[in-house]
Amino acid sequence: MTKLVIINHTFQKPEFYKRWEVLSDRHEDLDITLLAPGKWEWGKEKTLTYGHVDVRQGVVVDKPRFRIRLMQVEDRSMGEYGSKDIEKEILSIRPDLTYFIGGHTAYPLMQILKLRAKNKCLRDMKVAAFSMRGHTPTVDFKQSDPGLKKYVNYLGKKVILGPRLARFNRQCDAVFCHYPAALKAFRADGFTGPVYMQTQVGVDPDVFYPSPEARAKIREKYKIGNAFLFGSASRFHYSKGLSEIIRALPDEGNWKYLMMGWGRDDEVETVKKEIAARGLEDKIILTGFIDNWTDMAEHWNALDCAVHTPLTTLRWEETFSLALVQAMITGLPVIGSSSGSVPYQIGPDGIIVPEGDITALRDKMMEMMADPEKGKAIGAKMRERAMNCFNIYHLDELFYLTVKDLLSGVYDENKVDMATFRA
């Protein structure tokens, strides 16, 4: 029996721990323990933006080979958390692999690596990490990012993250990331071990799929009629490109736009002002944040074309959009930007416009409105790609084989890319 301990704060919600429960159900040689906070504040700045903080209590699951155990966490600097319970659980379980999902320089990962180094009973345990990192170096200072405060922040990161990066590079047995530029960044940072591009959430085909009934329901809810419906789902942060979308929307035509998501008060106010400036209050529908994934799936079905056009900033680019693959697996054509992971996710058959190019975005919107059948054909290819590359069952089989390789000391490059691997 192979014992796995997997640690992440999102395991409070069934939609985030389902794939690991499925993995246990499908492979009787796996014993999986998930560690999740007993209480977590969702919606903090720089994490998931709900427009408010949502305090969630963790849930305990106790099945023969799958369980969720709760850990008490304490806040640390830089928005991090730590937990003594992580060490207690690992020493109690003595897993074959401990997998930390949350960052390659995160404090809990450092706890795990130090714990293994200090305890002979854990010397054979493998440690892997997942990071949502982008393409930038772990410790970086841009001359185009001026100011004494920002320079002091850089020095702080160098002092704290520099040693952590060195420990990660020396001691971590494998790392998982989202897209090709992140893989290259790990190599540039000096990590020489196995690197895999495997998202740790994926999209659930049991929830997200084409549904005429859902389409009719949501279109009736918002009084869409026979209008061509564009839409997106994201935080209202400027990096998500909502301002560019508002400016790119056609001046005329029978269309509407379903803008799903929310943000901080100032972000929401900015979006509303930009909508009003173009006089599109009767065209753009603000749904607010949609927390339930079943509701989210129904809303995607109402659309005729999804739009996801984030912008690359000095320190951030899109690393893997879950909303994007949700739209894809629903069978929608997606207009995406050239930022970060978006072209990788959409693949060669999708629609990509240069990020920030208002004219190109408007042209593609007009093209989709003018030729709905072409859009449906592209949507079918998007669904096929999402099913083949990013659905949780595909990811589970790939992860299972990857774990076997890790425990055997094998690095099979055929398993590196979730988008090209076929079981």
Protein backbone atom coordinates (compact mmCIF):
# COMPACT_ATOMS: atom_id res chain seq x y z
CA MET A 1 0.00 0.00 0.00
CA THR A 2 1.36 3.40 -1.03
CA LYS A 3 0.66 6.10 1.55
CA LEU A 4 0.18 9.69 0.37
CA VAL A 5 -0.22 12.83 2.46
CA ILE A 6 -1.46 15.81 0.44
CA ILE A 7 -1.71 19.28 2.01
CA ASN A 8 -3.71 22.29 0.82
CA HIS A 9 -6.07 24.91 2.23
CA THR A 10 -8.72 24.35 -0.48
CA PHE A 11 -9.55 20.85 0.77
CA GLN A 12 -12.30 22.43 2.85
CA LYS A 13 -14.51 22.24 -0.25
CA PRO A 14 -15.69 19.04 -1.97
CA GLU A 15 -15.08 20.47 -5.44
CA PHE A 16 -11.38 20.77 -4.59
CA TYR A 17 -10.87 17.42 -2.86
CA LYS A 18 -13.08 15.30 -5.14
CA ARG A 19 -10.29 14.37 -7.57
CA TRP A 20 -8.20 12.93 -4.71
CA GLU A 21 -11.15 10.92 -3.42
CA VAL A 22 -11.69 9.61 -6.94
CA LEU A 23 -7.99 8.73 -7.14
CA SER A 24 -8.33 6.63 -4.00
CA ASP A 25 -11.50 4.94 -5.28
CA ARG A 26 -9.86 3.99 -8.57
CA HIS A 27 -6.59 2.66 -7.16
CA GLU A 28 -6.84 0.23 -4.27
CA ASP A 29 -3.08 0.32 -3.71
CA LEU A 30 -3.28 3.98 -2.56
CA ASP A 31 -4.00 5.25 0.93
CA ILE A 32 -4.57 9.02 0.83
CA THR A 33 -4.73 11.49 3.71
CA LEU A 34 -5.55 15.12 2.97
CA LEU A 35 -4.64 17.80 5.50
CA ALA A 36 -6.81 20.93 5.49
CA PRO A 37 -7.17 23.89 7.87
CA GLY A 38 -9.86 23.59 10.51
CA LYS A 39 -10.81 27.18 9.60
CA TRP A 40 -9.84 29.25 6.59
CA GLU A 41 -10.61 32.78 5.42
CA TRP A 42 -11.48 32.65 1.73
CA GLY A 43 -11.43 35.87 -0.23
CA LYS A 44 -8.35 37.55 1.20
CA GLU A 45 -6.57 40.08 -0.98
CA LYS A 46 -4.13 38.38 -3.39
CA THR A 47 -6.03 35.09 -3.14
CA LEU A 48 -9.58 34.41 -4.32
CA THR A 49 -11.52 37.67 -4.41
CA TYR A 50 -15.15 37.32 -3.41
CA GLY A 51 -15.71 40.93 -2.53
CA HIS A 52 -15.81 39.79 1.09
CA VAL A 53 -14.04 37.39 3.41
CA ASP A 54 -15.80 34.03 3.69
CA VAL A 55 -14.77 32.04 6.77
CA ARG A 56 -15.12 28.30 6.13
CA GLN A 57 -14.86 25.42 8.58
CA GLY A 58 -13.06 22.28 7.44
CA VAL A 59 -14.77 18.93 7.08
CA VAL A 60 -13.59 15.55 8.35
CA VAL A 61 -13.82 12.53 6.04
CA ASP A 62 -12.90 9.06 7.28
CA LYS A 63 -13.06 6.32 4.67
CA PRO A 64 -10.94 3.13 4.60
CA ARG A 65 -8.32 4.53 2.19
CA PHE A 66 -9.31 8.18 1.98
CA ARG A 67 -9.53 10.65 4.81
CA ILE A 68 -9.41 14.37 5.49
CA ARG A 69 -7.83 15.49 8.75
CA LEU A 70 -7.97 19.04 10.01
CA MET A 71 -4.95 21.00 11.12
CA GLN A 72 -4.76 24.08 13.27
CA VAL A 73 -2.96 26.82 11.36
CA GLU A 74 -1.30 30.02 12.50
CA ASP A 75 -0.68 33.13 10.44
CA ARG A 76 2.89 33.99 9.57
CA SER A 77 4.59 36.82 7.68
CA MET A 78 3.99 37.42 3.95
CA GLY A 79 0.43 36.10 4.20
CA GLU A 80 1.63 32.56 4.91
CA TYR A 81 0.51 29.96 7.39
CA GLY A 82 2.26 27.32 9.43
CA SER A 83 1.02 24.30 11.36
CA LYS A 84 2.58 22.02 13.93
CA ASP A 85 -0.10 19.50 13.04
CA ILE A 86 1.56 18.92 9.66
CA GLU A 87 4.61 17.53 11.42
CA LYS A 88 2.54 15.46 13.86
CA GLU A 89 0.49 13.87 11.07
CA ILE A 90 3.51 13.05 8.92
CA LEU A 91 5.33 11.44 11.84
CA SER A 92 2.21 9.45 12.69
CA ILE A 93 1.41 8.29 9.14
CA ARG A 94 4.97 7.94 7.80
CA PRO A 95 3.85 8.36 4.19
CA ASP A 96 5.75 7.24 1.13
CA LEU A 97 5.10 10.67 -0.43
CA THR A 98 4.15 13.99 1.09
CA TYR A 99 2.81 16.43 -1.45
CA PHE A 100 2.45 20.10 -0.53
CA ILE A 101 0.22 22.17 -2.82
CA GLY A 102 0.81 25.86 -2.28
CA GLY A 103 4.19 27.16 -3.37
CA HIS A 104 7.74 25.96 -3.79
CA THR A 105 9.12 28.39 -1.18
CA ALA A 106 6.15 28.27 1.20
CA TYR A 107 6.73 27.94 4.93
CA PRO A 108 4.85 24.61 5.33
CA LEU A 109 7.01 23.02 2.63
CA MET A 110 10.10 24.16 4.51
CA GLN A 111 8.63 22.54 7.63
CA ILE A 112 8.25 19.25 5.77
CA LEU A 113 11.75 19.28 4.30
CA LYS A 114 13.31 20.09 7.69
CA LEU A 115 11.21 17.40 9.37
CA ARG A 116 12.46 14.73 6.98
CA ALA A 117 16.07 15.83 7.46
CA LYS A 118 15.77 15.54 11.26
CA ASN A 119 13.98 12.16 11.46
CA LYS A 120 15.60 8.93 10.33
CA CYS A 121 12.20 7.24 10.13
CA LEU A 122 11.28 9.62 7.29
CA ARG A 123 14.47 9.37 5.25
CA ASP A 124 12.78 7.21 2.58
CA MET A 125 9.78 9.57 2.30
CA LYS A 126 9.62 11.53 -0.94
CA VAL A 127 8.58 15.19 -0.87
CA ALA A 128 6.95 16.93 -3.82
CA ALA A 129 5.56 20.44 -4.18
CA PHE A 130 3.12 22.23 -6.43
CA SER A 131 3.56 25.90 -7.26
CA MET A 132 1.35 28.30 -9.18
CA ARG A 133 4.44 30.25 -10.13
CA GLY A 134 4.73 32.18 -13.35
CA HIS A 135 7.71 32.85 -15.55
CA THR A 136 9.56 35.34 -13.32
CA PRO A 137 12.49 34.41 -11.06
CA THR A 138 11.68 33.55 -7.45
CA VAL A 139 13.66 36.53 -6.19
CA ASP A 140 13.70 39.40 -8.66
CA PHE A 141 14.02 43.16 -8.77
CA LYS A 142 12.99 45.13 -11.84
CA GLN A 143 14.58 48.50 -12.48
CA SER A 144 11.24 49.53 -13.95
CA ASP A 145 9.65 48.95 -10.55
CA PRO A 146 11.05 51.97 -8.64
CA GLY A 147 10.71 53.22 -5.12
CA LEU A 148 12.43 52.70 -1.77
CA LYS A 149 9.52 50.71 -0.32
CA LYS A 150 9.56 48.26 -3.23
CA TYR A 151 13.33 47.92 -3.00
CA VAL A 152 13.07 47.15 0.73
CA ASN A 153 10.39 44.59 -0.13
CA TYR A 154 12.79 43.02 -2.62
CA LEU A 155 15.53 42.82 0.02
CA GLY A 156 13.09 41.20 2.44
CA LYS A 157 12.17 38.60 -0.14
CA LYS A 158 15.81 37.94 -0.90
CA VAL A 159 16.60 37.39 2.77
CA ILE A 160 13.58 35.13 3.35
CA LEU A 161 13.02 33.43 0.02
CA GLY A 162 16.65 33.07 -1.01
CA PRO A 163 17.47 30.44 1.63
CA ARG A 164 14.12 28.74 1.06
CA LEU A 165 14.78 28.48 -2.66
CA ALA A 166 18.17 26.95 -1.94
CA ARG A 167 16.59 24.35 0.37
CA PHE A 168 13.87 23.59 -2.18
CA ASN A 169 16.43 23.13 -4.95
CA ARG A 170 18.56 20.80 -2.80
CA GLN A 171 15.94 18.74 -1.03
CA CYS A 172 12.62 18.62 -2.89
CA ASP A 173 12.23 15.43 -4.93
CA ALA A 174 9.86 16.83 -7.58
CA VAL A 175 7.82 19.89 -8.40
CA PHE A 176 4.56 20.36 -10.29
CA CYS A 177 3.54 23.50 -12.18
CA HIS A 178 1.00 24.68 -14.72
CA TYR A 179 2.52 25.64 -18.05
CA PRO A 180 5.77 25.65 -20.08
CA ALA A 181 7.13 29.03 -18.96
CA ALA A 182 6.90 27.94 -15.32
CA LEU A 183 8.85 24.78 -16.08
CA LYS A 184 11.59 26.87 -17.68
CA ALA A 185 11.59 29.22 -14.68
CA PHE A 186 12.24 26.35 -12.28
CA ARG A 187 15.21 25.29 -14.38
CA ALA A 188 16.48 28.88 -14.51
CA ASP A 189 16.17 29.03 -10.71
CA GLY A 190 18.45 26.01 -10.43
CA PHE A 191 16.05 23.13 -9.77
CA THR A 192 17.44 19.99 -11.41
CA GLY A 193 14.88 17.41 -10.27
CA PRO A 194 11.71 16.22 -12.02
CA VAL A 195 9.33 18.97 -13.12
CA TYR A 196 5.80 18.11 -14.24
CA MET A 197 3.09 20.27 -15.78
CA GLN A 198 -0.02 18.95 -14.03
CA THR A 199 -2.73 21.21 -12.64
CA GLN A 200 -3.91 20.22 -9.19
CA VAL A 201 -7.58 21.10 -9.55
CA GLY A 202 -8.62 20.27 -13.09
CA VAL A 203 -12.14 20.45 -14.43
CA ASP A 204 -14.87 18.03 -13.42
CA PRO A 205 -16.74 16.63 -16.46
CA ASP A 206 -19.51 15.39 -14.16
CA VAL A 207 -20.35 19.03 -13.39
CA PHE A 208 -19.24 20.97 -16.48
CA TYR A 209 -20.76 19.75 -19.76
CA PRO A 210 -23.10 21.03 -22.50
CA SER A 211 -26.68 21.29 -21.22
CA PRO A 212 -29.56 22.72 -23.30
CA GLU A 213 -31.70 22.77 -20.14
CA ALA A 214 -29.19 24.89 -18.25
CA ARG A 215 -28.82 27.18 -21.25
CA ALA A 216 -32.54 27.85 -21.38
CA LYS A 217 -32.76 28.35 -17.60
CA ILE A 218 -30.01 30.96 -17.32
CA ARG A 219 -30.94 32.83 -20.48
CA GLU A 220 -34.48 33.13 -19.15
CA LYS A 221 -33.17 34.28 -15.75
CA TYR A 222 -31.31 37.22 -17.31
CA LYS A 223 -33.81 37.87 -20.13
CA ILE A 224 -31.25 37.21 -22.86
CA GLY A 225 -33.81 36.32 -25.54
CA ASN A 226 -32.15 35.55 -28.86
CA ALA A 227 -29.16 37.84 -28.25
CA PHE A 228 -25.66 36.54 -28.89
CA LEU A 229 -24.21 36.12 -25.40
CA PHE A 230 -20.54 36.70 -24.61
CA GLY A 231 -19.25 36.16 -21.11
CA SER A 232 -16.36 35.73 -18.71
CA ALA A 233 -15.63 34.72 -15.12
CA SER A 234 -12.82 36.30 -13.16
CA ARG A 235 -11.77 38.55 -10.33
CA PHE A 236 -12.31 42.22 -11.11
CA HIS A 237 -8.59 42.93 -10.89
CA TYR A 238 -7.19 45.04 -13.72
CA SER A 239 -4.86 42.22 -14.77
CA LYS A 240 -7.85 40.15 -15.87
CA GLY A 241 -8.42 42.54 -18.79
CA LEU A 242 -12.03 43.46 -18.08
CA SER A 243 -11.44 47.09 -19.00
CA GLU A 244 -10.10 46.02 -22.38
CA ILE A 245 -13.10 43.74 -22.90
CA ILE A 246 -15.52 46.58 -22.12
CA ARG A 247 -13.74 48.84 -24.63
CA ALA A 248 -13.67 46.10 -27.27
CA LEU A 249 -17.35 45.18 -27.19
CA PRO A 250 -19.16 46.07 -30.43
CA ASP A 251 -20.96 49.38 -30.74
CA GLU A 252 -23.99 47.79 -32.35
CA GLY A 253 -25.68 44.43 -32.75
CA ASN A 254 -27.95 42.06 -30.85
CA TRP A 255 -25.55 40.95 -28.14
CA LYS A 256 -25.18 40.90 -24.39
CA TYR A 257 -22.32 40.15 -22.01
CA LEU A 258 -22.49 38.08 -18.82
CA MET A 259 -19.71 39.34 -16.54
CA MET A 260 -19.36 36.75 -13.78
CA GLY A 261 -17.21 37.39 -10.74
CA TRP A 262 -16.58 40.20 -8.27
CA GLY A 263 -13.83 42.03 -6.44
CA ARG A 264 -13.00 44.64 -3.86
CA ASP A 265 -15.25 47.69 -3.71
CA ASP A 266 -12.81 49.90 -5.63
CA GLU A 267 -12.40 47.27 -8.37
CA VAL A 268 -16.15 46.85 -8.77
CA GLU A 269 -16.65 50.62 -8.89
CA THR A 270 -14.03 50.93 -11.63
CA VAL A 271 -15.76 48.31 -13.76
CA LYS A 272 -19.17 49.95 -13.27
CA LYS A 273 -17.81 53.36 -14.26
CA GLU A 274 -16.26 51.96 -17.44
CA ILE A 275 -19.53 50.25 -18.36
CA ALA A 276 -21.41 53.51 -17.82
CA ALA A 277 -18.86 55.48 -19.83
CA ARG A 278 -19.69 53.36 -22.85
CA GLY A 279 -23.41 53.38 -22.14
CA LEU A 280 -23.57 49.58 -21.90
CA GLU A 281 -25.59 49.22 -18.70
CA ASP A 282 -28.36 47.44 -20.62
CA LYS A 283 -25.87 45.16 -22.39
CA ILE A 284 -23.47 44.02 -19.67
CA ILE A 285 -24.94 41.94 -16.85
CA LEU A 286 -23.01 41.74 -13.57
CA THR A 287 -23.91 38.45 -11.90
CA GLY A 288 -21.76 38.82 -8.79
CA PHE A 289 -19.53 36.04 -7.52
CA ILE A 290 -20.89 32.55 -8.24
CA ASP A 291 -19.57 30.21 -5.55
CA ASN A 292 -21.42 27.00 -6.36
CA TRP A 293 -19.86 25.06 -9.24
CA THR A 294 -23.19 23.64 -10.39
CA ASP A 295 -24.47 27.21 -10.76
CA MET A 296 -21.24 28.12 -12.52
CA ALA A 297 -21.69 25.26 -14.99
CA GLU A 298 -25.24 26.41 -15.74
CA HIS A 299 -24.06 29.97 -16.40
CA TRP A 300 -21.37 28.82 -18.84
CA ASN A 301 -24.04 26.97 -20.80
CA ALA A 302 -25.96 30.18 -21.38
CA LEU A 303 -23.11 31.67 -23.43
CA ASP A 304 -22.38 31.58 -27.13
CA CYS A 305 -18.75 32.64 -26.73
CA ALA A 306 -16.45 32.94 -23.72
CA VAL A 307 -13.79 35.64 -23.42
CA HIS A 308 -10.64 35.34 -21.32
CA THR A 309 -8.06 38.02 -22.08
CA PRO A 310 -5.78 38.66 -19.09
CA LEU A 311 -2.81 41.03 -19.22
CA THR A 312 0.78 40.35 -18.23
CA THR A 313 1.97 42.67 -15.46
CA LEU A 314 5.45 43.33 -14.14
CA ARG A 315 5.19 40.50 -11.63
CA TRP A 316 2.26 38.37 -12.79
CA GLU A 317 0.85 36.57 -15.77
CA GLU A 318 -1.91 33.99 -16.09
CA THR A 319 -0.55 30.63 -14.95
CA PHE A 320 -3.66 28.47 -15.32
CA SER A 321 -7.23 29.69 -15.50
CA LEU A 322 -9.77 27.24 -14.13
CA ALA A 323 -12.58 29.37 -15.57
CA LEU A 324 -11.04 28.97 -19.00
CA VAL A 325 -11.11 25.16 -18.95
CA GLN A 326 -14.62 25.24 -17.48
CA ALA A 327 -15.77 27.22 -20.51
CA MET A 328 -13.84 24.95 -22.86
CA ILE A 329 -15.30 21.70 -21.53
CA THR A 330 -18.78 23.21 -21.81
CA GLY A 331 -18.18 23.32 -25.56
CA LEU A 332 -17.77 27.07 -25.98
CA PRO A 333 -15.49 28.86 -28.40
CA VAL A 334 -13.10 30.94 -26.32
CA ILE A 335 -11.35 34.16 -27.32
CA GLY A 336 -8.14 34.22 -25.31
CA SER A 337 -5.21 36.57 -25.03
CA SER A 338 -1.54 35.78 -25.56
CA SER A 339 -0.80 36.15 -21.85
CA GLY A 340 0.89 33.38 -19.91
CA SER A 341 -0.76 29.97 -19.95
CA VAL A 342 -3.77 30.97 -22.06
CA PRO A 343 -2.41 29.82 -25.45
CA TYR A 344 -1.19 26.57 -23.84
CA GLN A 345 -4.61 25.89 -22.35
CA ILE A 346 -6.57 26.74 -25.49
CA GLY A 347 -4.23 24.87 -27.82
CA PRO A 348 -3.68 25.17 -31.57
CA ASP A 349 -7.36 25.18 -32.53
CA GLY A 350 -8.41 28.11 -30.35
CA ILE A 351 -8.71 31.85 -30.87
CA ILE A 352 -5.83 33.95 -29.55
CA VAL A 353 -5.48 37.72 -29.81
CA PRO A 354 -2.47 39.78 -28.69
CA GLU A 355 -3.00 40.85 -25.11
CA GLY A 356 -4.27 44.41 -24.82
CA ASP A 357 -5.17 44.63 -28.52
CA ILE A 358 -8.65 46.15 -28.43
CA THR A 359 -9.14 46.12 -32.21
CA ALA A 360 -8.15 42.47 -32.59
CA LEU A 361 -10.46 41.48 -29.75
CA ARG A 362 -13.39 43.38 -31.23
CA ASP A 363 -12.76 41.82 -34.65
CA LYS A 364 -12.90 38.30 -33.18
CA MET A 365 -16.08 39.13 -31.30
CA MET A 366 -17.67 40.37 -34.50
CA GLU A 367 -16.47 37.24 -36.30
CA MET A 368 -18.10 34.96 -33.71
CA MET A 369 -21.37 36.91 -33.92
CA ALA A 370 -21.36 36.76 -37.73
CA ASP A 371 -20.69 33.01 -37.94
CA PRO A 372 -22.22 31.07 -35.01
CA GLU A 373 -21.64 27.75 -36.77
CA LYS A 374 -17.92 28.43 -36.94
CA GLY A 375 -18.03 29.19 -33.23
CA LYS A 376 -19.75 25.88 -32.50
CA ALA A 377 -17.09 24.02 -34.47
CA ILE A 378 -14.34 25.71 -32.47
CA GLY A 379 -16.27 25.01 -29.28
CA ALA A 380 -16.34 21.30 -30.09
CA LYS A 381 -12.55 21.33 -30.41
CA MET A 382 -12.25 23.21 -27.12
CA ARG A 383 -14.35 20.58 -25.36
CA GLU A 384 -12.23 17.81 -26.84
CA ARG A 385 -9.02 19.45 -25.64
CA ALA A 386 -10.37 20.02 -22.12
CA MET A 387 -11.57 16.42 -21.90
CA ASN A 388 -8.29 15.01 -23.16
CA CYS A 389 -5.95 17.28 -21.21
CA PHE A 390 -7.46 18.86 -18.13
CA ASN A 391 -10.33 16.77 -16.76
CA ILE A 392 -9.85 15.30 -13.28
CA TYR A 393 -9.99 11.67 -14.40
CA HIS A 394 -7.21 12.18 -16.93
CA LEU A 395 -5.17 14.05 -14.32
CA ASP A 396 -5.69 11.31 -11.75
CA GLU A 397 -4.35 8.60 -14.03
CA LEU A 398 -1.34 10.72 -14.91
CA PHE A 399 -0.67 11.57 -11.26
CA TYR A 400 -0.94 7.91 -10.24
CA LEU A 401 1.69 6.89 -12.78
CA THR A 402 3.84 9.87 -11.82
CA VAL A 403 3.77 8.84 -8.15
CA LYS A 404 4.91 5.35 -9.11
CA ASP A 405 7.80 6.88 -11.05
CA LEU A 406 8.75 9.19 -8.18
CA LEU A 407 8.88 6.33 -5.70
CA SER A 408 10.99 4.31 -8.15
CA GLY A 409 13.38 7.16 -8.92
CA VAL A 410 12.26 7.39 -12.56
CA TYR A 411 11.73 10.59 -14.55
CA ASP A 412 9.67 9.76 -17.63
CA GLU A 413 9.45 12.82 -19.85
CA ASN A 414 6.35 11.36 -21.53
CA LYS A 415 4.52 12.20 -18.30
CA VAL A 416 5.76 15.77 -18.03
CA ASP A 417 2.93 17.46 -19.94
CA MET A 418 -0.71 16.83 -19.08
CA ALA A 419 -1.72 18.19 -22.49
CA THR A 420 0.25 15.57 -24.43
CA PHE A 421 0.15 12.54 -22.11
CA ARG A 422 -2.13 9.68 -23.10
CA ALA A 423 -2.54 6.64 -20.87
